[in-house]
Structure formats: structure tokens, C-alpha cells
Amino acid sequence: MGFAFEELKVYQRAPDFAVSVIDIVDELDTHRKHYRLIEQLEASSSSVALNIAEGKGRYSKKEFKRFCYIARGSLYETVSMLQIFRKKKWIEETSYSKLYNEAEEINKMLSGLINSIKDSI
């Protein structure tokens, strides 16, 4: 039977995005003295998929919509962190661009999903 969130196309892309971010983290060109920033990047990228899944499991469409907003906020946070990492030259421009483009696609999908959800009374 599975879980309802697994049917969502945006959810299907979100874990792959998180894995791509974590893979980049594994290759960081830093002495890892900035471990808090690294952990925050891993957490925010993973949070996109986690919030979509959690929201889908909630009681109402209104709650699901709220969790989709949280997921989108986590996506924005991830992009902001990636920009910092790029400026610090911890990640290559090509890696940044690939992740940025994927984040843009997920953002469009999340925004479409949010707009399609009718709040329950």
C-alpha cells in the first residue's frame, strides 16, 4: 500500500536533492572546523522531504499546506547556505549550479502544490 506522500512528485525529488547536497558535503574543501554550518546544510536539505512527508500525514489539508510552506522555507535556507559555501569556495561553481537548478525546480513544484491545496474548514 505505501504512504500517501510517496505518490507526490515533489516528494520523490526532495530526498534525491538532499542526497546530492550530502554528497557535496562529503567532498567539502574545508577542515571541517565549521561543522555547525555543515550540519545545518545537511539538516535544511533533508528537512524539505521530511516536512512534505510529515505534512501529508497530518489530519487536515490546512496542516499539510502549512508543512509545505515549512518545506519551502527549508529549501530557501538550503539555497542560502549553498551560496555561503560557494562564496567560501568550499564547493565548486558547477556543483552549486546543479544544486541551485534542482532547488528551483523543487521550489516551482512546491509552490504549485501549495496553490493547489484548498484549506479545510
Protein backbone atom coordinates (compact mmCIF):
# COMPACT_ATOMS: atom_id res chain seq x y z
CA MET A 1 0.00 0.00 0.00
CA GLY A 2 2.73 2.51 0.87
CA PHE A 3 2.45 6.03 2.17
CA ALA A 4 0.47 8.83 0.50
CA PHE A 5 3.43 11.23 0.43
CA GLU A 6 5.40 8.81 -1.76
CA GLU A 7 2.99 9.49 -4.63
CA LEU A 8 3.84 13.21 -4.71
CA LYS A 9 6.30 14.07 -7.49
CA VAL A 10 7.82 16.87 -5.42
CA TYR A 11 8.43 14.43 -2.58
CA GLN A 12 10.08 11.97 -4.98
CA ARG A 13 12.62 14.65 -5.95
CA ALA A 14 13.24 16.03 -2.46
CA PRO A 15 15.18 13.04 -1.00
CA ASP A 16 17.36 12.91 -4.12
CA PHE A 17 18.11 16.62 -3.66
CA ALA A 18 19.08 16.02 -0.02
CA VAL A 19 21.35 13.13 -1.01
CA SER A 20 23.03 15.33 -3.63
CA VAL A 21 23.65 18.02 -1.04
CA ILE A 22 25.02 15.49 1.44
CA ASP A 23 27.28 14.06 -1.26
CA ILE A 24 28.68 17.56 -1.86
CA VAL A 25 29.20 17.99 1.88
CA ASP A 26 31.26 14.80 1.88
CA GLU A 27 33.60 16.42 -0.64
CA LEU A 28 33.91 19.83 1.06
CA ASP A 29 37.22 21.59 0.83
CA THR A 30 37.36 22.69 4.46
CA HIS A 31 39.00 21.42 7.60
CA ARG A 32 35.51 20.87 9.00
CA LYS A 33 36.06 23.41 11.74
CA HIS A 34 32.77 24.86 10.56
CA TYR A 35 30.90 21.70 11.46
CA ARG A 36 27.81 23.63 12.65
CA LEU A 37 27.34 25.15 9.19
CA ILE A 38 27.88 21.76 7.58
CA GLU A 39 25.32 20.12 9.87
CA GLN A 40 22.85 22.94 9.20
CA LEU A 41 23.18 22.45 5.44
CA GLU A 42 22.55 18.72 5.78
CA ALA A 43 19.59 19.36 8.09
CA SER A 44 17.93 22.01 5.93
CA SER A 45 18.26 19.97 2.74
CA SER A 46 16.81 16.88 4.44
CA SER A 47 14.04 18.93 6.01
CA VAL A 48 12.41 19.57 2.63
CA ALA A 49 11.44 15.91 2.18
CA LEU A 50 10.76 15.37 5.88
CA ASN A 51 8.26 18.23 6.09
CA ILE A 52 6.42 17.16 2.95
CA ALA A 53 6.07 13.66 4.38
CA GLU A 54 5.06 14.84 7.84
CA GLY A 55 2.55 17.30 6.46
CA LYS A 56 0.92 14.67 4.27
CA GLY A 57 0.43 12.56 7.39
CA ARG A 58 -1.41 15.31 9.25
CA TYR A 59 -5.13 15.46 9.81
CA SER A 60 -6.15 18.32 7.54
CA LYS A 61 -5.26 19.91 4.24
CA LYS A 62 -4.62 23.14 6.13
CA GLU A 63 -1.90 21.43 8.18
CA PHE A 64 -0.44 19.81 5.06
CA LYS A 65 -0.27 23.23 3.40
CA ARG A 66 1.50 24.67 6.45
CA PHE A 67 4.12 21.90 6.32
CA CYS A 68 4.62 22.54 2.61
CA TYR A 69 5.38 26.16 3.47
CA ILE A 70 7.89 24.93 6.05
CA ALA A 71 9.44 22.63 3.43
CA ARG A 72 9.76 25.58 1.05
CA GLY A 73 11.39 27.62 3.82
CA SER A 74 13.90 24.82 4.34
CA LEU A 75 14.61 24.82 0.62
CA TYR A 76 15.27 28.57 0.70
CA GLU A 77 17.55 28.06 3.71
CA THR A 78 19.45 25.36 1.83
CA VAL A 79 20.00 27.63 -1.18
CA SER A 80 21.21 30.42 1.09
CA MET A 81 23.65 28.07 2.80
CA LEU A 82 24.89 26.82 -0.58
CA GLN A 83 25.55 30.42 -1.58
CA ILE A 84 27.66 30.92 1.53
CA PHE A 85 29.57 27.71 0.84
CA ARG A 86 30.18 28.82 -2.74
CA LYS A 87 31.45 32.22 -1.61
CA LYS A 88 33.81 30.46 0.82
CA LYS A 89 34.94 28.33 -2.15
CA TRP A 90 34.05 25.17 -0.27
CA ILE A 91 32.00 23.97 -3.24
CA GLU A 92 32.68 24.30 -6.95
CA GLU A 93 30.58 26.55 -9.15
CA THR A 94 29.40 23.58 -11.25
CA SER A 95 28.17 21.72 -8.15
CA TYR A 96 26.48 24.85 -6.88
CA SER A 97 24.74 25.47 -10.22
CA LYS A 98 23.47 21.89 -10.41
CA LEU A 99 22.02 22.06 -6.89
CA TYR A 100 20.62 25.54 -7.46
CA ASN A 101 18.80 24.43 -10.61
CA GLU A 102 17.35 21.40 -8.82
CA ALA A 103 16.23 23.65 -5.95
CA GLU A 104 14.49 25.95 -8.44
CA GLU A 105 12.55 23.02 -9.87
CA ILE A 106 11.55 21.76 -6.43
CA ASN A 107 10.51 25.30 -5.48
CA LYS A 108 8.21 25.53 -8.51
CA MET A 109 6.71 22.15 -7.67
CA LEU A 110 6.19 23.06 -4.01
CA SER A 111 4.62 26.40 -4.91
CA GLY A 112 2.26 24.64 -7.32
CA LEU A 113 1.33 22.10 -4.67
CA ILE A 114 0.72 24.83 -2.09
CA ASN A 115 -1.50 26.73 -4.52
CA SER A 116 -3.48 23.58 -5.32
CA ILE A 117 -4.31 22.73 -1.70
CA LYS A 118 -7.70 24.03 -0.62
CA ASP A 119 -7.81 24.70 3.11
CA SER A 120 -10.23 22.58 5.10
CA ILE A 121 -12.68 24.29 7.39
